[in-house]
Amino acid sequence: MAIPQHSTVNFVISLSGRTVRPVELIGEGRVVRVEHAKAAPKFMVAIECSKPITQIEPYLPADSS
């Protein structure tokens, strides 16, 4: 189901590649464009962010020694 244009959204993006673990980014904003992909039911959105996208800091347990 596509997200309606002008909707307010919160999102998490997970980037993986040649790193040990994925980098996760968090953001929020408003959907300014929705495009339906050729392969239904996929779609693409453009989001106008209300503040900068930031990295979610990984949880690192305290050193027990």
Protein backbone atom coordinates (compact mmCIF):
# COMPACT_ATOMS: atom_id res chain seq x y z
CA MET A 1 0.00 0.00 0.00
CA ALA A 2 1.50 3.35 -1.04
CA ILE A 3 1.97 6.13 1.50
CA PRO A 4 -0.29 9.09 0.66
CA GLN A 5 1.38 12.31 -0.48
CA HIS A 6 1.64 15.00 2.26
CA SER A 7 1.68 12.31 5.00
CA THR A 8 3.98 12.84 7.97
CA VAL A 9 6.39 9.92 8.34
CA ASN A 10 9.12 8.60 10.62
CA PHE A 11 11.61 6.23 9.02
CA VAL A 12 14.66 4.06 9.63
CA ILE A 13 17.12 3.28 6.83
CA SER A 14 19.53 0.37 7.18
CA LEU A 15 22.68 0.65 5.03
CA SER A 16 24.81 -2.45 4.60
CA GLY A 17 27.93 -3.04 2.64
CA ARG A 18 31.53 -3.79 3.46
CA THR A 19 31.14 -2.99 7.14
CA VAL A 20 30.87 -5.40 10.05
CA ARG A 21 27.29 -4.37 10.77
CA PRO A 22 24.68 -2.23 9.02
CA VAL A 23 24.55 1.50 9.71
CA GLU A 24 21.06 2.60 10.75
CA LEU A 25 19.76 6.10 10.10
CA ILE A 26 16.59 7.68 11.50
CA GLY A 27 14.58 10.61 10.20
CA GLU A 28 11.19 12.24 9.96
CA GLY A 29 9.43 14.48 7.50
CA ARG A 30 6.62 14.84 4.99
CA VAL A 31 6.03 12.85 1.80
CA VAL A 32 6.32 15.28 -1.14
CA ARG A 33 6.15 12.80 -4.04
CA VAL A 34 4.93 9.24 -4.59
CA GLU A 35 5.82 7.25 -7.71
CA HIS A 36 4.49 3.79 -8.46
CA ALA A 37 7.13 1.33 -9.66
CA LYS A 38 6.65 -0.79 -12.77
CA ALA A 39 6.69 -3.91 -10.60
CA ALA A 40 3.49 -3.60 -8.56
CA PRO A 41 2.90 -3.30 -5.61
CA LYS A 42 6.20 -1.42 -5.12
CA PHE A 43 6.40 2.36 -4.91
CA MET A 44 8.98 5.09 -4.25
CA VAL A 45 8.64 8.22 -2.13
CA ALA A 46 10.48 11.51 -1.79
CA ILE A 47 10.53 12.89 1.74
CA GLU A 48 11.18 16.48 2.80
CA CYS A 49 12.94 16.01 6.13
CA SER A 50 11.93 18.26 9.01
CA LYS A 51 15.35 17.84 10.66
CA PRO A 52 18.66 16.23 9.65
CA ILE A 53 18.82 12.46 9.25
CA THR A 54 20.94 11.06 12.08
CA GLN A 55 22.71 7.79 12.79
CA ILE A 56 21.23 5.54 15.45
CA GLU A 57 24.05 4.92 17.87
CA PRO A 58 24.60 1.20 18.43
CA TYR A 59 24.07 -0.04 21.96
CA LEU A 60 27.41 -0.81 23.54
CA PRO A 61 27.23 -2.59 26.91
CA ALA A 62 29.34 -1.22 29.74
CA ASP A 63 32.69 -2.94 30.23
CA SER A 64 32.18 -5.43 33.04
CA SER A 65 35.85 -5.61 34.04
